[in-house]
Amino acid sequence: MTTTITIQPATTPPGKLADAELHFTDGVLAGLKLVGFAIWSRRDGSGLNVTMPARQYSVNGERRSFALLRPITDSGAQEAIRLQVLAAWEQHQAAHQDDAASAE
């Protein structure tokens, strides 16, 4: 199964850098996308964080979150997706820096 990650820069809320989507280009999921990834700058300024797709719900007035993308057995499985989203962000940043430099 082949996938592509697309990046859409965000301006709000503060600290959110971009939204990311996982596009499936072949296999049984071809033509579909998984949305809900977000890239955030860490509050302490020490790097970036990626949040995964989730659905919020309330129990007794308390907001909770239900992860939509969960590992079957390997708890580290999400790390590969997180690293790919960060790599796509870096490529997006580099491409836009090149565009800005060539426009000058």
N, C-alpha and C. Protein backbone atom coordinates (compact mmCIF):
# COMPACT_ATOMS: atom_id res chain seq x y z
N MET A 1 0.84 -1.17 0.00
CA MET A 1 0.00 0.00 0.00
C MET A 1 0.90 1.24 0.00
N THR A 2 0.65 2.12 -0.94
CA THR A 2 1.44 3.34 -1.05
C THR A 2 0.62 4.51 -0.52
N THR A 3 1.29 5.38 0.22
CA THR A 3 0.63 6.55 0.77
C THR A 3 1.45 7.81 0.50
N THR A 4 0.77 8.93 0.52
CA THR A 4 1.40 10.24 0.41
C THR A 4 0.88 11.10 1.54
N ILE A 5 1.72 11.92 2.11
CA ILE A 5 1.29 12.82 3.18
C ILE A 5 1.25 14.23 2.63
N THR A 6 0.10 14.89 2.76
CA THR A 6 -0.03 16.27 2.32
C THR A 6 -0.09 17.17 3.54
N ILE A 7 0.47 18.37 3.39
CA ILE A 7 0.57 19.33 4.48
C ILE A 7 -0.23 20.58 4.12
N GLN A 8 -1.05 21.05 5.06
CA GLN A 8 -1.77 22.31 4.91
C GLN A 8 -1.38 23.20 6.09
N PRO A 9 -0.61 24.27 5.84
CA PRO A 9 -0.20 25.15 6.93
C PRO A 9 -1.40 25.71 7.68
N ALA A 10 -1.24 25.92 8.97
CA ALA A 10 -2.30 26.45 9.83
C ALA A 10 -1.83 27.77 10.44
N THR A 11 -2.77 28.66 10.69
CA THR A 11 -2.43 29.92 11.35
C THR A 11 -3.03 30.00 12.75
N THR A 12 -4.02 29.18 13.03
CA THR A 12 -4.63 29.16 14.36
C THR A 12 -4.89 27.72 14.74
N PRO A 13 -4.95 27.39 15.98
CA PRO A 13 -4.62 28.20 17.15
C PRO A 13 -3.11 28.37 17.28
N PRO A 14 -2.69 29.24 18.19
CA PRO A 14 -1.25 29.45 18.39
C PRO A 14 -0.54 28.12 18.69
N GLY A 15 0.61 27.95 18.07
CA GLY A 15 1.38 26.73 18.28
C GLY A 15 1.11 25.65 17.25
N LYS A 16 -0.04 25.72 16.58
CA LYS A 16 -0.34 24.73 15.54
C LYS A 16 0.31 25.19 14.25
N LEU A 17 1.16 24.36 13.71
CA LEU A 17 1.89 24.71 12.50
C LEU A 17 1.18 24.26 11.24
N ALA A 18 0.56 23.06 11.28
CA ALA A 18 -0.05 22.53 10.07
C ALA A 18 -0.99 21.37 10.38
N ASP A 19 -1.87 21.12 9.43
CA ASP A 19 -2.67 19.90 9.42
C ASP A 19 -2.02 18.98 8.39
N ALA A 20 -2.16 17.69 8.59
CA ALA A 20 -1.60 16.72 7.65
C ALA A 20 -2.64 15.66 7.34
N GLU A 21 -2.60 15.17 6.10
CA GLU A 21 -3.50 14.11 5.65
C GLU A 21 -2.69 12.98 5.06
N LEU A 22 -3.13 11.77 5.29
CA LEU A 22 -2.51 10.58 4.74
C LEU A 22 -3.35 10.13 3.55
N HIS A 23 -2.82 10.26 2.33
CA HIS A 23 -3.54 9.89 1.11
C HIS A 23 -3.08 8.50 0.66
N PHE A 24 -4.05 7.63 0.42
CA PHE A 24 -3.75 6.28 -0.05
C PHE A 24 -3.81 6.28 -1.57
N THR A 25 -2.73 5.83 -2.21
CA THR A 25 -2.64 5.91 -3.66
C THR A 25 -2.79 4.56 -4.37
N ASP A 26 -2.75 3.46 -3.62
CA ASP A 26 -3.04 2.16 -4.22
C ASP A 26 -3.53 1.20 -3.16
N GLY A 27 -3.88 0.02 -3.57
CA GLY A 27 -4.40 -0.96 -2.62
C GLY A 27 -5.89 -0.76 -2.38
N VAL A 28 -6.42 -1.44 -1.41
CA VAL A 28 -7.85 -1.42 -1.14
C VAL A 28 -8.33 -0.03 -0.69
N LEU A 29 -7.44 0.80 -0.16
CA LEU A 29 -7.83 2.14 0.29
C LEU A 29 -7.52 3.23 -0.73
N ALA A 30 -7.12 2.85 -1.94
CA ALA A 30 -6.79 3.83 -2.98
C ALA A 30 -7.94 4.81 -3.17
N GLY A 31 -7.58 6.09 -3.26
CA GLY A 31 -8.57 7.13 -3.46
C GLY A 31 -9.15 7.68 -2.17
N LEU A 32 -8.73 7.15 -1.02
CA LEU A 32 -9.22 7.63 0.27
C LEU A 32 -8.10 8.37 1.01
N LYS A 33 -8.50 9.16 2.00
CA LYS A 33 -7.50 9.84 2.83
C LYS A 33 -7.91 9.76 4.28
N LEU A 34 -6.91 9.78 5.16
CA LEU A 34 -7.12 9.79 6.59
C LEU A 34 -6.71 11.17 7.08
N VAL A 35 -7.67 11.90 7.61
CA VAL A 35 -7.43 13.27 8.06
C VAL A 35 -7.34 13.29 9.59
N GLY A 36 -6.90 14.40 10.12
CA GLY A 36 -6.90 14.57 11.57
C GLY A 36 -5.53 14.61 12.20
N PHE A 37 -4.47 14.55 11.41
CA PHE A 37 -3.13 14.70 11.95
C PHE A 37 -2.84 16.20 12.08
N ALA A 38 -2.09 16.59 13.09
CA ALA A 38 -1.70 17.99 13.24
C ALA A 38 -0.26 18.05 13.75
N ILE A 39 0.44 19.09 13.31
CA ILE A 39 1.82 19.31 13.72
C ILE A 39 1.83 20.56 14.60
N TRP A 40 2.41 20.42 15.78
CA TRP A 40 2.42 21.49 16.78
C TRP A 40 3.85 21.78 17.20
N SER A 41 4.13 23.03 17.51
CA SER A 41 5.41 23.32 18.16
C SER A 41 5.21 23.07 19.65
N ARG A 42 6.19 22.48 20.27
CA ARG A 42 6.08 22.16 21.70
C ARG A 42 6.13 23.45 22.51
N ARG A 43 5.39 23.45 23.58
CA ARG A 43 5.29 24.65 24.43
C ARG A 43 6.64 25.08 24.98
N ASP A 44 7.51 24.11 25.26
CA ASP A 44 8.82 24.47 25.81
C ASP A 44 9.82 24.82 24.71
N GLY A 45 9.36 24.79 23.43
CA GLY A 45 10.21 25.17 22.32
C GLY A 45 11.25 24.14 21.93
N SER A 46 11.13 22.91 22.44
CA SER A 46 12.17 21.90 22.20
C SER A 46 11.87 20.97 21.04
N GLY A 47 11.06 21.38 20.09
CA GLY A 47 10.80 20.52 18.94
C GLY A 47 9.35 20.55 18.52
N LEU A 48 8.96 19.48 17.83
CA LEU A 48 7.62 19.38 17.27
C LEU A 48 6.89 18.17 17.83
N ASN A 49 5.58 18.25 17.82
CA ASN A 49 4.73 17.16 18.26
C ASN A 49 3.70 16.89 17.16
N VAL A 50 3.35 15.63 16.99
CA VAL A 50 2.30 15.26 16.02
C VAL A 50 1.15 14.64 16.79
N THR A 51 -0.05 15.17 16.58
CA THR A 51 -1.24 14.54 17.16
C THR A 51 -1.91 13.71 16.08
N MET A 52 -2.49 12.62 16.52
CA MET A 52 -3.13 11.66 15.62
C MET A 52 -4.64 11.90 15.57
N PRO A 53 -5.31 11.36 14.55
CA PRO A 53 -6.76 11.52 14.46
C PRO A 53 -7.46 10.98 15.71
N ALA A 54 -8.41 11.75 16.22
CA ALA A 54 -9.14 11.35 17.41
C ALA A 54 -10.53 11.97 17.37
N ARG A 55 -11.40 11.42 18.15
CA ARG A 55 -12.76 11.93 18.28
C ARG A 55 -12.99 12.28 19.75
N GLN A 56 -13.51 13.48 19.97
CA GLN A 56 -13.79 13.90 21.33
C GLN A 56 -15.21 13.54 21.71
N TYR A 57 -15.39 13.24 22.99
CA TYR A 57 -16.72 12.96 23.52
C TYR A 57 -16.75 13.38 24.98
N SER A 58 -17.93 13.44 25.55
CA SER A 58 -18.08 13.85 26.95
C SER A 58 -18.67 12.73 27.78
N VAL A 59 -18.15 12.59 28.99
CA VAL A 59 -18.69 11.67 29.99
C VAL A 59 -18.85 12.47 31.27
N ASN A 60 -20.09 12.62 31.71
CA ASN A 60 -20.38 13.41 32.92
C ASN A 60 -19.77 14.80 32.85
N GLY A 61 -19.85 15.42 31.68
CA GLY A 61 -19.32 16.77 31.50
C GLY A 61 -17.82 16.85 31.31
N GLU A 62 -17.13 15.74 31.37
CA GLU A 62 -15.68 15.72 31.20
C GLU A 62 -15.35 15.36 29.75
N ARG A 63 -14.51 16.18 29.10
CA ARG A 63 -14.12 15.91 27.72
C ARG A 63 -13.04 14.84 27.68
N ARG A 64 -13.27 13.86 26.83
CA ARG A 64 -12.30 12.78 26.63
C ARG A 64 -12.03 12.64 25.14
N SER A 65 -11.01 11.87 24.84
CA SER A 65 -10.62 11.68 23.45
C SER A 65 -10.47 10.19 23.16
N PHE A 66 -10.95 9.78 22.00
CA PHE A 66 -10.89 8.40 21.55
C PHE A 66 -10.00 8.36 20.31
N ALA A 67 -8.84 7.73 20.40
CA ALA A 67 -7.90 7.66 19.27
C ALA A 67 -8.49 6.79 18.15
N LEU A 68 -8.47 7.32 16.94
CA LEU A 68 -9.00 6.58 15.79
C LEU A 68 -7.95 5.69 15.14
N LEU A 69 -6.70 6.03 15.32
CA LEU A 69 -5.60 5.25 14.76
C LEU A 69 -4.84 4.65 15.94
N ARG A 70 -5.03 3.34 16.16
CA ARG A 70 -4.43 2.68 17.31
C ARG A 70 -3.64 1.47 16.87
N PRO A 71 -2.60 1.13 17.62
CA PRO A 71 -1.82 -0.06 17.28
C PRO A 71 -2.60 -1.35 17.57
N ILE A 72 -2.38 -2.36 16.75
CA ILE A 72 -2.99 -3.67 16.99
C ILE A 72 -2.22 -4.40 18.08
N THR A 73 -0.90 -4.51 17.89
CA THR A 73 -0.08 -5.18 18.89
C THR A 73 1.15 -4.37 19.27
N ASP A 74 1.81 -3.76 18.31
CA ASP A 74 3.05 -3.03 18.54
C ASP A 74 2.76 -1.60 18.98
N SER A 75 3.02 -1.29 20.24
CA SER A 75 2.71 0.04 20.76
C SER A 75 3.57 1.13 20.11
N GLY A 76 4.65 0.76 19.46
CA GLY A 76 5.50 1.73 18.77
C GLY A 76 5.11 1.96 17.32
N ALA A 77 4.04 1.33 16.88
CA ALA A 77 3.64 1.44 15.47
C ALA A 77 3.30 2.86 15.06
N GLN A 78 2.76 3.66 15.96
CA GLN A 78 2.42 5.04 15.62
C GLN A 78 3.65 5.90 15.39
N GLU A 79 4.77 5.50 15.94
CA GLU A 79 6.00 6.28 15.79
C GLU A 79 6.41 6.40 14.33
N ALA A 80 6.22 5.36 13.53
CA ALA A 80 6.58 5.41 12.11
C ALA A 80 5.75 6.46 11.38
N ILE A 81 4.45 6.52 11.68
CA ILE A 81 3.59 7.53 11.05
C ILE A 81 4.00 8.92 11.51
N ARG A 82 4.27 9.06 12.80
CA ARG A 82 4.68 10.35 13.34
C ARG A 82 5.95 10.85 12.65
N LEU A 83 6.91 9.98 12.46
CA LEU A 83 8.16 10.35 11.79
C LEU A 83 7.93 10.72 10.33
N GLN A 84 7.01 10.01 9.65
CA GLN A 84 6.70 10.34 8.26
C GLN A 84 6.01 11.69 8.15
N VAL A 85 5.12 11.99 9.08
CA VAL A 85 4.44 13.30 9.07
C VAL A 85 5.47 14.41 9.30
N LEU A 86 6.39 14.21 10.23
CA LEU A 86 7.43 15.21 10.47
C LEU A 86 8.35 15.38 9.26
N ALA A 87 8.67 14.28 8.58
CA ALA A 87 9.49 14.36 7.37
C ALA A 87 8.76 15.13 6.27
N ALA A 88 7.46 14.90 6.12
CA ALA A 88 6.67 15.64 5.13
C ALA A 88 6.64 17.12 5.47
N TRP A 89 6.55 17.45 6.76
CA TRP A 89 6.57 18.84 7.20
C TRP A 89 7.91 19.49 6.84
N GLU A 90 9.01 18.79 7.09
CA GLU A 90 10.32 19.32 6.77
C GLU A 90 10.48 19.55 5.27
N GLN A 91 9.98 18.62 4.46
CA GLN A 91 10.03 18.79 3.01
C GLN A 91 9.18 19.98 2.57
N HIS A 92 8.01 20.13 3.17
CA HIS A 92 7.14 21.26 2.87
C HIS A 92 7.84 22.58 3.21
N GLN A 93 8.47 22.63 4.39
CA GLN A 93 9.17 23.83 4.81
C GLN A 93 10.32 24.15 3.85
N ALA A 94 11.10 23.14 3.48
CA ALA A 94 12.23 23.35 2.59
C ALA A 94 11.76 23.84 1.22
N ALA A 95 10.69 23.27 0.71
CA ALA A 95 10.17 23.68 -0.60
C ALA A 95 9.70 25.13 -0.56
N HIS A 96 9.07 25.53 0.52
CA HIS A 96 8.57 26.90 0.60
C HIS A 96 9.68 27.90 0.88
N GLN A 97 10.75 27.47 1.53
CA GLN A 97 11.90 28.35 1.70
C GLN A 97 12.58 28.57 0.37
N ASP A 98 12.67 27.50 -0.45
CA ASP A 98 13.25 27.62 -1.79
C ASP A 98 12.41 28.55 -2.66
N ASP A 99 11.06 28.44 -2.55
CA ASP A 99 10.16 29.31 -3.32
C ASP A 99 10.35 30.76 -2.91
N ALA A 100 10.47 31.01 -1.61
CA ALA A 100 10.65 32.38 -1.12
C ALA A 100 11.98 32.95 -1.57
N ALA A 101 13.02 32.11 -1.57
CA ALA A 101 14.35 32.58 -1.98
C ALA A 101 14.37 32.90 -3.47
N SER A 102 13.71 32.10 -4.29
CA SER A 102 13.71 32.35 -5.73
C SER A 102 12.83 33.55 -6.12
N ALA A 103 11.88 33.91 -5.26
CA ALA A 103 11.01 35.05 -5.54
C ALA A 103 11.71 36.38 -5.25
N GLU A 104 12.81 36.34 -4.49
CA GLU A 104 13.51 37.58 -4.14
C GLU A 104 14.34 38.11 -5.25
